[in-house]
Amino acid sequence: MTGGQGLPSDEGPTPAGLRALPRPVAAVVGGGGALGAAQVGVGYALEQREFVPDLIVGTSVGALNGAIAAAHPGEAAPWLDRVWTQVRRREVFPLGYRSSRAGVFADRGLRRLIAQAGLPSRIEQLEIPFTAVAMDLATGAQVLLDRGDLESALLASAAVPGVLPPVDRDGRTLVDGGVIALVPVRAALRKGAASVVVLSTGPASRPPLPATPPRKAGAVAARAGLLLWHDQVERDLREVSERIPTVVVPTGVETWPAPWDFGHSRRLITTASGTAGRFLDGLRVSGPGLYRADDPPADPARTATASEAGR
């Protein structure tokens, strides 16, 4: 395949680091709303290096991106590129079409996107085994949706509480899996992954910069939510990396738009494609550990190895 608009085409054999990952290897695709465009850039880098996972686990927008990747192995990025660079907020969050008191917006826009994605009706029909992660609104339990109706699974995984309506499925009321698993690496471990490649997005995927505590209500809530999500992501990554190789592919994005602002998709895709490609080409993996670009190397001889948990 070739790169998307403005993206370099540097196809080649799978880098040594990716080849060294124990099988089965899971692609873990995190949540983040409009920030999910960066995952398309990472997808380009992975596809250009002929990487195809054995299973895909996604949360929220990552479930939609992941399902498309599972339906079209090795060639999903160009299609996603077109979707992400053309979609607008009003198409995903249409004003004036509130479906119930359970959500500010109806899910008709998301349903339309799913219908246009060329997906099969059932999860089992995808080319790569796929799991969407949601949360049971009654119990708070993580729910792994790996069979049955695909559309309802994606709607449930992306049902941001209070924003989009919950989904009733199999006797449970389900909402966005990002509430409990913004980066669902623990779900991938439960599904039998022997290693994971993480496509995460947004400021929660990196240590928040110190900041003067905000004073306005909205800013206070946003800052607290960011810190909470970052702590959740780090805890889950550390827990899983103690058992299996856990590769977190960087995006290189320093300035993130709001999760509902789809106007920055081209910048996110292009930045992530280049950064992810350079990281993957230098990746070296040797046993369980957390491999990412943000941490100092555990071994100076490794060009892209981060701190390895448990050592």
C-alpha atoms as a PDB file:
ATOM      1  CA  MET A   1       0.000   0.000   0.000  1.00  0.00           C
ATOM      2  CA  THR A   2       1.003   3.630  -0.297  1.00  0.00           C
ATOM      3  CA  GLY A   3       0.760   6.440   2.215  1.00  0.00           C
ATOM      4  CA  GLY A   4      -2.136   8.874   2.390  1.00  0.00           C
ATOM      5  CA  GLN A   5      -2.111  12.485   1.271  1.00  0.00           C
ATOM      6  CA  GLY A   6       1.081  14.154   2.381  1.00  0.00           C
ATOM      7  CA  LEU A   7       2.385  11.008   4.080  1.00  0.00           C
ATOM      8  CA  PRO A   8       5.695   9.376   3.210  1.00  0.00           C
ATOM      9  CA  SER A   9       5.658   5.937   1.662  1.00  0.00           C
ATOM     10  CA  ASP A  10       8.451   3.944   3.303  1.00  0.00           C
ATOM     11  CA  GLU A  11       7.208   0.414   2.924  1.00  0.00           C
ATOM     12  CA  GLY A  12       9.566  -2.351   3.871  1.00  0.00           C
ATOM     13  CA  PRO A  13       9.904  -5.555   5.824  1.00  0.00           C
ATOM     14  CA  THR A  14       8.674  -5.708   9.382  1.00  0.00           C
ATOM     15  CA  PRO A  15      11.278  -4.147  11.728  1.00  0.00           C
ATOM     16  CA  ALA A  16      13.139  -6.489  14.051  1.00  0.00           C
ATOM     17  CA  GLY A  17      11.367  -5.140  17.114  1.00  0.00           C
ATOM     18  CA  LEU A  18       7.913  -5.991  15.780  1.00  0.00           C
ATOM     19  CA  ARG A  19       9.071  -9.425  14.602  1.00  0.00           C
ATOM     20  CA  ALA A  20      10.385 -10.177  18.089  1.00  0.00           C
ATOM     21  CA  LEU A  21       7.016  -9.717  19.745  1.00  0.00           C
ATOM     22  CA  PRO A  22       5.621 -13.012  21.082  1.00  0.00           C
ATOM     23  CA  ARG A  23       2.469 -14.262  19.391  1.00  0.00           C
ATOM     24  CA  PRO A  24      -0.380 -13.782  19.674  1.00  0.00           C
ATOM     25  CA  VAL A  25       0.193 -10.027  19.576  1.00  0.00           C
ATOM     26  CA  ALA A  26      -2.721  -7.660  20.179  1.00  0.00           C
ATOM     27  CA  ALA A  27      -3.203  -4.172  18.799  1.00  0.00           C
ATOM     28  CA  VAL A  28      -4.766  -2.156  21.636  1.00  0.00           C
ATOM     29  CA  VAL A  29      -6.592   0.945  20.426  1.00  0.00           C
ATOM     30  CA  GLY A  30      -7.497   3.520  23.070  1.00  0.00           C
ATOM     31  CA  GLY A  31     -10.245   6.109  23.352  1.00  0.00           C
ATOM     32  CA  GLY A  32     -10.118   9.846  22.805  1.00  0.00           C
ATOM     33  CA  GLY A  33     -12.889  11.135  20.533  1.00  0.00           C
ATOM     34  CA  ALA A  34     -11.538  13.324  17.715  1.00  0.00           C
ATOM     35  CA  LEU A  35      -8.011  12.615  18.958  1.00  0.00           C
ATOM     36  CA  GLY A  36      -8.395   9.153  17.433  1.00  0.00           C
ATOM     37  CA  ALA A  37      -7.178  10.622  14.144  1.00  0.00           C
ATOM     38  CA  ALA A  38      -3.634  10.151  15.473  1.00  0.00           C
ATOM     39  CA  GLN A  39      -4.293   6.398  15.509  1.00  0.00           C
ATOM     40  CA  VAL A  40      -4.676   6.550  11.728  1.00  0.00           C
ATOM     41  CA  GLY A  41      -1.134   7.917  11.470  1.00  0.00           C
ATOM     42  CA  VAL A  42       0.168   5.120  13.672  1.00  0.00           C
ATOM     43  CA  GLY A  43      -1.846   2.701  11.542  1.00  0.00           C
ATOM     44  CA  TYR A  44      -0.074   3.948   8.429  1.00  0.00           C
ATOM     45  CA  ALA A  45       3.300   3.326  10.071  1.00  0.00           C
ATOM     46  CA  LEU A  46       2.322  -0.198  11.116  1.00  0.00           C
ATOM     47  CA  GLU A  47       0.794  -1.117   7.761  1.00  0.00           C
ATOM     48  CA  GLN A  48       3.784   0.249   5.842  1.00  0.00           C
ATOM     49  CA  ARG A  49       5.927  -2.129   7.903  1.00  0.00           C
ATOM     50  CA  GLU A  50       3.649  -5.067   7.081  1.00  0.00           C
ATOM     51  CA  PHE A  51       2.526  -5.530  10.680  1.00  0.00           C
ATOM     52  CA  VAL A  52      -0.754  -7.402  11.125  1.00  0.00           C
ATOM     53  CA  PRO A  53      -1.879  -8.214  14.681  1.00  0.00           C
ATOM     54  CA  ASP A  54      -3.426 -11.490  15.761  1.00  0.00           C
ATOM     55  CA  LEU A  55      -6.232  -9.732  17.631  1.00  0.00           C
ATOM     56  CA  ILE A  56      -7.502  -6.187  18.111  1.00  0.00           C
ATOM     57  CA  VAL A  57      -9.006  -4.711  21.283  1.00  0.00           C
ATOM     58  CA  GLY A  58     -10.532  -1.228  21.198  1.00  0.00           C
ATOM     59  CA  THR A  59     -12.258   1.247  23.458  1.00  0.00           C
ATOM     60  CA  SER A  60     -14.590   4.054  22.362  1.00  0.00           C
ATOM     61  CA  VAL A  61     -13.315   5.663  19.133  1.00  0.00           C
ATOM     62  CA  GLY A  62     -10.553   3.064  19.245  1.00  0.00           C
ATOM     63  CA  ALA A  63     -13.203   0.374  18.912  1.00  0.00           C
ATOM     64  CA  LEU A  64     -14.431   1.923  15.652  1.00  0.00           C
ATOM     65  CA  ASN A  65     -10.901   2.356  14.293  1.00  0.00           C
ATOM     66  CA  GLY A  66     -10.016  -1.135  15.486  1.00  0.00           C
ATOM     67  CA  ALA A  67     -13.061  -2.782  13.924  1.00  0.00           C
ATOM     68  CA  ILE A  68     -12.239  -1.238  10.555  1.00  0.00           C
ATOM     69  CA  ALA A  69      -8.643  -2.454  10.873  1.00  0.00           C
ATOM     70  CA  ALA A  70      -9.970  -5.912  11.743  1.00  0.00           C
ATOM     71  CA  ALA A  71     -12.207  -5.887   8.673  1.00  0.00           C
ATOM     72  CA  HIS A  72      -9.480  -4.735   6.287  1.00  0.00           C
ATOM     73  CA  PRO A  73      -6.112  -6.092   7.514  1.00  0.00           C
ATOM     74  CA  GLY A  74      -3.140  -4.208   6.147  1.00  0.00           C
ATOM     75  CA  GLU A  75      -5.182  -1.654   4.211  1.00  0.00           C
ATOM     76  CA  ALA A  76      -7.422   0.170   6.683  1.00  0.00           C
ATOM     77  CA  ALA A  77      -5.359   3.352   7.098  1.00  0.00           C
ATOM     78  CA  PRO A  78      -6.159   4.954   3.700  1.00  0.00           C
ATOM     79  CA  TRP A  79      -9.884   4.426   4.221  1.00  0.00           C
ATOM     80  CA  LEU A  80      -9.717   5.819   7.761  1.00  0.00           C
ATOM     81  CA  ASP A  81      -7.667   8.744   6.480  1.00  0.00           C
ATOM     82  CA  ARG A  82     -10.490   9.788   4.161  1.00  0.00           C
ATOM     83  CA  VAL A  83     -13.093   9.426   6.901  1.00  0.00           C
ATOM     84  CA  TRP A  84     -11.167  11.364   9.517  1.00  0.00           C
ATOM     85  CA  THR A  85     -10.190  14.251   7.264  1.00  0.00           C
ATOM     86  CA  GLN A  86     -13.761  14.728   6.035  1.00  0.00           C
ATOM     87  CA  VAL A  87     -15.867  14.174   9.150  1.00  0.00           C
ATOM     88  CA  ARG A  88     -17.133  17.173  11.137  1.00  0.00           C
ATOM     89  CA  ARG A  89     -18.420  17.523  14.677  1.00  0.00           C
ATOM     90  CA  ARG A  90     -22.038  18.015  13.660  1.00  0.00           C
ATOM     91  CA  GLU A  91     -21.959  14.652  11.866  1.00  0.00           C
ATOM     92  CA  VAL A  92     -20.885  12.787  15.010  1.00  0.00           C
ATOM     93  CA  PHE A  93     -22.688  14.940  17.573  1.00  0.00           C
ATOM     94  CA  PRO A  94     -25.739  16.258  15.694  1.00  0.00           C
ATOM     95  CA  LEU A  95     -27.484  19.075  17.502  1.00  0.00           C
ATOM     96  CA  GLY A  96     -31.251  19.037  17.546  1.00  0.00           C
ATOM     97  CA  TYR A  97     -31.593  15.248  17.458  1.00  0.00           C
ATOM     98  CA  ARG A  98     -31.578  14.297  21.096  1.00  0.00           C
ATOM     99  CA  SER A  99     -32.902  10.757  21.237  1.00  0.00           C
ATOM    100  CA  SER A 100     -33.724  10.516  24.938  1.00  0.00           C
ATOM    101  CA  ARG A 101     -33.050  12.041  28.329  1.00  0.00           C
ATOM    102  CA  ALA A 102     -30.049   9.698  28.671  1.00  0.00           C
ATOM    103  CA  GLY A 103     -27.834  11.598  26.224  1.00  0.00           C
ATOM    104  CA  VAL A 104     -27.339  15.158  25.042  1.00  0.00           C
ATOM    105  CA  PHE A 105     -26.913  13.912  21.460  1.00  0.00           C
ATOM    106  CA  ALA A 106     -28.490  11.130  19.460  1.00  0.00           C
ATOM    107  CA  ASP A 107     -26.228   8.392  18.112  1.00  0.00           C
ATOM    108  CA  ARG A 108     -27.541   8.699  14.542  1.00  0.00           C
ATOM    109  CA  GLY A 109     -24.275  10.274  13.348  1.00  0.00           C
ATOM    110  CA  LEU A 110     -22.211   7.458  14.783  1.00  0.00           C
ATOM    111  CA  ARG A 111     -24.594   4.907  13.312  1.00  0.00           C
ATOM    112  CA  ARG A 112     -24.118   6.528   9.913  1.00  0.00           C
ATOM    113  CA  LEU A 113     -20.325   6.322  10.187  1.00  0.00           C
ATOM    114  CA  ILE A 114     -20.527   2.658  11.144  1.00  0.00           C
ATOM    115  CA  ALA A 115     -22.878   1.926   8.235  1.00  0.00           C
ATOM    116  CA  GLN A 116     -20.445   3.538   5.786  1.00  0.00           C
ATOM    117  CA  ALA A 117     -17.441   1.592   7.064  1.00  0.00           C
ATOM    118  CA  GLY A 118     -18.008  -1.566   5.063  1.00  0.00           C
ATOM    119  CA  LEU A 119     -18.218  -3.719   8.177  1.00  0.00           C
ATOM    120  CA  PRO A 120     -19.948  -7.093   8.549  1.00  0.00           C
ATOM    121  CA  SER A 121     -23.009  -7.368  10.747  1.00  0.00           C
ATOM    122  CA  ARG A 122     -21.397  -9.661  13.328  1.00  0.00           C
ATOM    123  CA  ILE A 123     -18.104  -9.456  15.206  1.00  0.00           C
ATOM    124  CA  GLU A 124     -17.235 -13.058  14.341  1.00  0.00           C
ATOM    125  CA  GLN A 125     -17.214 -12.160  10.632  1.00  0.00           C
ATOM    126  CA  LEU A 126     -14.277  -9.752  10.944  1.00  0.00           C
ATOM    127  CA  GLU A 127     -11.011 -10.943   9.406  1.00  0.00           C
ATOM    128  CA  ILE A 128      -9.073 -10.456  12.671  1.00  0.00           C
ATOM    129  CA  PRO A 129     -10.509 -11.437  16.079  1.00  0.00           C
ATOM    130  CA  PHE A 130     -11.866  -8.258  17.633  1.00  0.00           C
ATOM    131  CA  THR A 131     -13.099  -7.125  21.049  1.00  0.00           C
ATOM    132  CA  ALA A 132     -14.839  -3.864  21.914  1.00  0.00           C
ATOM    133  CA  VAL A 133     -14.637  -2.753  25.551  1.00  0.00           C
ATOM    134  CA  ALA A 134     -17.614  -1.186  27.319  1.00  0.00           C
ATOM    135  CA  MET A 135     -18.662  -0.614  30.933  1.00  0.00           C
ATOM    136  CA  ASP A 136     -21.728  -2.015  32.669  1.00  0.00           C
ATOM    137  CA  LEU A 137     -23.515   1.062  34.013  1.00  0.00           C
ATOM    138  CA  ALA A 138     -25.159  -0.944  36.798  1.00  0.00           C
ATOM    139  CA  THR A 139     -22.052  -2.608  38.252  1.00  0.00           C
ATOM    140  CA  GLY A 140     -19.083  -0.693  36.841  1.00  0.00           C
ATOM    141  CA  ALA A 141     -17.654  -3.939  35.455  1.00  0.00           C
ATOM    142  CA  GLN A 142     -15.561  -4.032  32.307  1.00  0.00           C
ATOM    143  CA  VAL A 143     -17.504  -5.799  29.542  1.00  0.00           C
ATOM    144  CA  LEU A 144     -15.706  -7.461  26.639  1.00  0.00           C
ATOM    145  CA  LEU A 145     -17.829  -7.636  23.495  1.00  0.00           C
ATOM    146  CA  ASP A 146     -16.249 -10.233  21.200  1.00  0.00           C
ATOM    147  CA  ARG A 147     -19.237 -11.822  19.495  1.00  0.00           C
ATOM    148  CA  GLY A 148     -22.694 -10.936  18.249  1.00  0.00           C
ATOM    149  CA  ASP A 149     -23.983  -7.735  16.682  1.00  0.00           C
ATOM    150  CA  LEU A 150     -21.107  -5.440  15.715  1.00  0.00           C
ATOM    151  CA  GLU A 151     -23.000  -2.166  15.455  1.00  0.00           C
ATOM    152  CA  SER A 152     -24.398  -2.319  19.001  1.00  0.00           C
ATOM    153  CA  ALA A 153     -20.955  -3.267  20.338  1.00  0.00           C
ATOM    154  CA  LEU A 154     -19.364  -0.193  18.744  1.00  0.00           C
ATOM    155  CA  LEU A 155     -22.191   2.079  19.878  1.00  0.00           C
ATOM    156  CA  ALA A 156     -21.874   0.773  23.439  1.00  0.00           C
ATOM    157  CA  SER A 157     -18.107   1.169  23.532  1.00  0.00           C
ATOM    158  CA  ALA A 158     -18.418   4.796  22.352  1.00  0.00           C
ATOM    159  CA  ALA A 159     -21.453   5.826  24.445  1.00  0.00           C
ATOM    160  CA  VAL A 160     -19.870   8.707  26.381  1.00  0.00           C
ATOM    161  CA  PRO A 161     -21.957   8.937  29.583  1.00  0.00           C
ATOM    162  CA  GLY A 162     -24.421  11.793  29.399  1.00  0.00           C
ATOM    163  CA  VAL A 163     -23.332  12.703  25.871  1.00  0.00           C
ATOM    164  CA  LEU A 164     -24.469   9.701  23.820  1.00  0.00           C
ATOM    165  CA  PRO A 165     -27.226   7.315  24.915  1.00  0.00           C
ATOM    166  CA  PRO A 166     -26.336   4.056  26.692  1.00  0.00           C
ATOM    167  CA  VAL A 167     -26.863   0.810  24.814  1.00  0.00           C
ATOM    168  CA  ASP A 168     -28.981  -2.048  26.126  1.00  0.00           C
ATOM    169  CA  ARG A 169     -27.383  -5.327  25.118  1.00  0.00           C
ATOM    170  CA  ASP A 170     -27.770  -8.853  26.515  1.00  0.00           C
ATOM    171  CA  GLY A 171     -29.668  -7.603  29.542  1.00  0.00           C
ATOM    172  CA  ARG A 172     -27.060  -4.986  30.487  1.00  0.00           C
ATOM    173  CA  THR A 173     -26.928  -1.206  30.075  1.00  0.00           C
ATOM    174  CA  LEU A 174     -23.547  -0.333  28.585  1.00  0.00           C
ATOM    175  CA  VAL A 175     -21.579   2.901  28.233  1.00  0.00           C
ATOM    176  CA  ASP A 176     -18.179   4.056  26.969  1.00  0.00           C
ATOM    177  CA  GLY A 177     -15.392   1.638  27.887  1.00  0.00           C
ATOM    178  CA  GLY A 178     -13.011   4.576  28.288  1.00  0.00           C
ATOM    179  CA  VAL A 179     -14.535   5.281  31.696  1.00  0.00           C
ATOM    180  CA  ILE A 180     -12.899   2.151  33.066  1.00  0.00           C
ATOM    181  CA  ALA A 181     -10.275   1.289  30.410  1.00  0.00           C
ATOM    182  CA  LEU A 182      -9.146   4.234  28.294  1.00  0.00           C
ATOM    183  CA  VAL A 183      -6.305   2.042  27.011  1.00  0.00           C
ATOM    184  CA  PRO A 184      -7.650  -1.534  27.299  1.00  0.00           C
ATOM    185  CA  VAL A 185      -4.412  -3.486  27.758  1.00  0.00           C
ATOM    186  CA  ARG A 186      -5.848  -5.565  30.602  1.00  0.00           C
ATOM    187  CA  ALA A 187      -8.639  -6.673  28.288  1.00  0.00           C
ATOM    188  CA  ALA A 188      -6.055  -7.756  25.716  1.00  0.00           C
ATOM    189  CA  LEU A 189      -4.273  -9.807  28.377  1.00  0.00           C
ATOM    190  CA  ARG A 190      -7.575 -11.458  29.286  1.00  0.00           C
ATOM    191  CA  LYS A 191      -8.089 -12.325  25.622  1.00  0.00           C
ATOM    192  CA  GLY A 192      -4.805 -14.234  25.576  1.00  0.00           C
ATOM    193  CA  ALA A 193      -2.330 -11.731  24.144  1.00  0.00           C
ATOM    194  CA  ALA A 194       1.342 -12.648  24.637  1.00  0.00           C
ATOM    195  CA  SER A 195       2.381  -9.084  23.716  1.00  0.00           C
ATOM    196  CA  VAL A 196       0.612  -5.814  22.902  1.00  0.00           C
ATOM    197  CA  VAL A 197       1.141  -2.841  20.603  1.00  0.00           C
ATOM    198  CA  VAL A 198      -0.694   0.175  22.025  1.00  0.00           C
ATOM    199  CA  LEU A 199      -2.234   2.938  19.916  1.00  0.00           C
ATOM    200  CA  SER A 200      -3.220   5.551  22.488  1.00  0.00           C
ATOM    201  CA  THR A 201      -4.047   9.210  22.034  1.00  0.00           C
ATOM    202  CA  GLY A 202      -4.373  12.475  23.853  1.00  0.00           C
ATOM    203  CA  PRO A 203      -2.708  14.183  26.789  1.00  0.00           C
ATOM    204  CA  ALA A 204      -3.703  11.384  29.181  1.00  0.00           C
ATOM    205  CA  SER A 205      -1.201   9.091  27.444  1.00  0.00           C
ATOM    206  CA  ARG A 206       1.726  11.206  28.690  1.00  0.00           C
ATOM    207  CA  PRO A 207       2.594  12.628  32.124  1.00  0.00           C
ATOM    208  CA  PRO A 208       0.630  15.879  32.560  1.00  0.00           C
ATOM    209  CA  LEU A 209       2.822  18.939  32.797  1.00  0.00           C
ATOM    210  CA  PRO A 210       2.767  20.732  36.164  1.00  0.00           C
ATOM    211  CA  ALA A 211       0.273  23.557  36.076  1.00  0.00           C
ATOM    212  CA  THR A 212      -1.171  26.223  38.320  1.00  0.00           C
ATOM    213  CA  PRO A 213      -4.425  24.781  39.698  1.00  0.00           C
ATOM    214  CA  PRO A 214      -7.332  26.220  37.681  1.00  0.00           C
ATOM    215  CA  ARG A 215     -10.078  28.223  39.348  1.00  0.00           C
ATOM    216  CA  LYS A 216     -13.026  27.948  36.975  1.00  0.00           C
ATOM    217  CA  ALA A 217     -15.385  25.009  37.364  1.00  0.00           C
ATOM    218  CA  GLY A 218     -14.965  23.612  33.856  1.00  0.00           C
ATOM    219  CA  ALA A 219     -11.182  23.846  33.969  1.00  0.00           C
ATOM    220  CA  VAL A 220     -11.069  22.219  37.402  1.00  0.00           C
ATOM    221  CA  ALA A 221     -13.146  19.274  36.144  1.00  0.00           C
ATOM    222  CA  ALA A 222     -11.024  18.938  32.990  1.00  0.00           C
ATOM    223  CA  ARG A 223      -7.754  18.940  34.937  1.00  0.00           C
ATOM    224  CA  ALA A 224      -9.045  16.407  37.469  1.00  0.00           C
ATOM    225  CA  GLY A 225     -10.294  14.165  34.685  1.00  0.00           C
ATOM    226  CA  LEU A 226      -6.953  14.315  32.898  1.00  0.00           C
ATOM    227  CA  LEU A 227      -5.058  13.332  36.043  1.00  0.00           C
ATOM    228  CA  LEU A 228      -7.520  10.533  36.782  1.00  0.00           C
ATOM    229  CA  TRP A 229      -7.270   9.079  33.277  1.00  0.00           C
ATOM    230  CA  HIS A 230      -3.487   9.347  33.216  1.00  0.00           C
ATOM    231  CA  ASP A 231      -3.259   7.477  36.524  1.00  0.00           C
ATOM    232  CA  GLN A 232      -5.583   4.772  35.173  1.00  0.00           C
ATOM    233  CA  VAL A 233      -3.589   4.373  31.970  1.00  0.00           C
ATOM    234  CA  GLU A 234      -0.246   4.203  33.777  1.00  0.00           C
ATOM    235  CA  ARG A 235      -1.523   1.682  36.303  1.00  0.00           C
ATOM    236  CA  ASP A 236      -2.867  -0.604  33.599  1.00  0.00           C
ATOM    237  CA  LEU A 237       0.269  -0.336  31.462  1.00  0.00           C
ATOM    238  CA  ARG A 238       2.557  -1.133  34.382  1.00  0.00           C
ATOM    239  CA  GLU A 239       0.428  -4.077  35.487  1.00  0.00           C
ATOM    240  CA  VAL A 240       0.358  -5.684  32.042  1.00  0.00           C
ATOM    241  CA  SER A 241       4.012  -4.910  31.207  1.00  0.00           C
ATOM    242  CA  GLU A 242       5.145  -6.931  34.216  1.00  0.00           C
ATOM    243  CA  ARG A 243       3.841 -10.009  32.396  1.00  0.00           C
ATOM    244  CA  ILE A 244       4.210  -9.380  28.654  1.00  0.00           C
ATOM    245  CA  PRO A 245       6.024  -6.982  26.273  1.00  0.00           C
ATOM    246  CA  THR A 246       3.945  -3.794  26.099  1.00  0.00           C
ATOM    247  CA  VAL A 247       4.858  -1.433  23.262  1.00  0.00           C
ATOM    248  CA  VAL A 248       3.330   2.069  23.370  1.00  0.00           C
ATOM    249  CA  VAL A 249       3.740   3.687  19.960  1.00  0.00           C
ATOM    250  CA  PRO A 250       4.273   7.467  20.216  1.00  0.00           C
ATOM    251  CA  THR A 251       2.380   9.981  18.107  1.00  0.00           C
ATOM    252  CA  GLY A 252       4.697  12.961  18.454  1.00  0.00           C
ATOM    253  CA  VAL A 253       1.683  15.231  18.959  1.00  0.00           C
ATOM    254  CA  GLU A 254       2.448  17.957  21.485  1.00  0.00           C
ATOM    255  CA  THR A 255      -0.675  20.113  21.125  1.00  0.00           C
ATOM    256  CA  TRP A 256      -3.952  18.242  21.227  1.00  0.00           C
ATOM    257  CA  PRO A 257      -7.300  19.727  20.168  1.00  0.00           C
ATOM    258  CA  ALA A 258     -10.487  19.225  22.151  1.00  0.00           C
ATOM    259  CA  PRO A 259     -11.884  15.670  21.875  1.00  0.00           C
ATOM    260  CA  TRP A 260     -14.861  16.980  19.889  1.00  0.00           C
ATOM    261  CA  ASP A 261     -12.818  19.111  17.447  1.00  0.00           C
ATOM    262  CA  PHE A 262     -12.354  17.166  14.195  1.00  0.00           C
ATOM    263  CA  GLY A 263     -10.668  20.043  12.360  1.00  0.00           C
ATOM    264  CA  HIS A 264      -7.116  18.935  13.205  1.00  0.00           C
ATOM    265  CA  SER A 265      -7.196  15.420  11.775  1.00  0.00           C
ATOM    266  CA  ARG A 266      -4.682  15.977   8.971  1.00  0.00           C
ATOM    267  CA  ARG A 267      -2.087  17.382  11.386  1.00  0.00           C
ATOM    268  CA  LEU A 268      -2.589  14.511  13.837  1.00  0.00           C
ATOM    269  CA  ILE A 269      -2.341  11.850  11.116  1.00  0.00           C
ATOM    270  CA  THR A 270       0.763  13.288   9.503  1.00  0.00           C
ATOM    271  CA  THR A 271       2.602  13.912  12.776  1.00  0.00           C
ATOM    272  CA  ALA A 272       1.779  10.474  14.169  1.00  0.00           C
ATOM    273  CA  SER A 273       2.765   8.654  10.979  1.00  0.00           C
ATOM    274  CA  GLY A 274       6.292  10.044  10.955  1.00  0.00           C
ATOM    275  CA  THR A 275       6.922   9.753  14.677  1.00  0.00           C
ATOM    276  CA  ALA A 276       5.524   6.235  14.921  1.00  0.00           C
ATOM    277  CA  GLY A 277       7.560   5.073  11.934  1.00  0.00           C
ATOM    278  CA  ARG A 278      10.854   6.280  13.373  1.00  0.00           C
ATOM    279  CA  PHE A 279      10.066   4.660  16.715  1.00  0.00           C
ATOM    280  CA  LEU A 280       9.122   1.322  15.175  1.00  0.00           C
ATOM    281  CA  ASP A 281      12.255   1.209  13.031  1.00  0.00           C
ATOM    282  CA  GLY A 282      14.407   1.570  16.151  1.00  0.00           C
ATOM    283  CA  LEU A 283      12.372  -0.646  18.447  1.00  0.00           C
ATOM    284  CA  ARG A 284      14.153  -3.469  20.272  1.00  0.00           C
ATOM    285  CA  VAL A 285      12.218  -5.904  22.435  1.00  0.00           C
ATOM    286  CA  SER A 286      13.658  -8.381  24.927  1.00  0.00           C
ATOM    287  CA  GLY A 287      11.113  -9.894  27.252  1.00  0.00           C
ATOM    288  CA  PRO A 288       8.315  -8.416  29.356  1.00  0.00           C
ATOM    289  CA  GLY A 289       8.513  -4.686  29.927  1.00  0.00           C
ATOM    290  CA  LEU A 290       7.130  -1.300  28.979  1.00  0.00           C
ATOM    291  CA  TYR A 291       8.592  -0.049  25.709  1.00  0.00           C
ATOM    292  CA  ARG A 292       7.891   3.556  24.796  1.00  0.00           C
ATOM    293  CA  ALA A 293       9.659   6.695  23.681  1.00  0.00           C
ATOM    294  CA  ASP A 294       8.832   8.888  26.675  1.00  0.00           C
ATOM    295  CA  ASP A 295      10.850   7.007  29.310  1.00  0.00           C
ATOM    296  CA  PRO A 296      14.644   6.938  29.569  1.00  0.00           C
ATOM    297  CA  PRO A 297      16.152   3.712  28.144  1.00  0.00           C
ATOM    298  CA  ALA A 298      16.602   0.845  30.546  1.00  0.00           C
ATOM    299  CA  ASP A 299      19.642  -0.241  28.498  1.00  0.00           C
ATOM    300  CA  PRO A 300      21.756   2.378  26.649  1.00  0.00           C
ATOM    301  CA  ALA A 301      22.316  -0.123  23.837  1.00  0.00           C
ATOM    302  CA  ARG A 302      18.606  -0.164  23.002  1.00  0.00           C
ATOM    303  CA  THR A 303      17.514   2.678  20.772  1.00  0.00           C
ATOM    304  CA  ALA A 304      13.810   2.584  21.490  1.00  0.00           C
ATOM    305  CA  THR A 305      13.449   0.627  24.704  1.00  0.00           C
ATOM    306  CA  ALA A 306      11.799   2.286  27.649  1.00  0.00           C
ATOM    307  CA  SER A 307      11.721   1.357  31.316  1.00  0.00           C
ATOM    308  CA  GLU A 308      11.020  -2.329  31.788  1.00  0.00           C
ATOM    309  CA  ALA A 309       8.713  -3.026  34.665  1.00  0.00           C
ATOM    310  CA  GLY A 310       9.679  -5.589  37.258  1.00  0.00           C
ATOM    311  CA  ARG A 311      13.436  -5.401  36.613  1.00  0.00           C
END
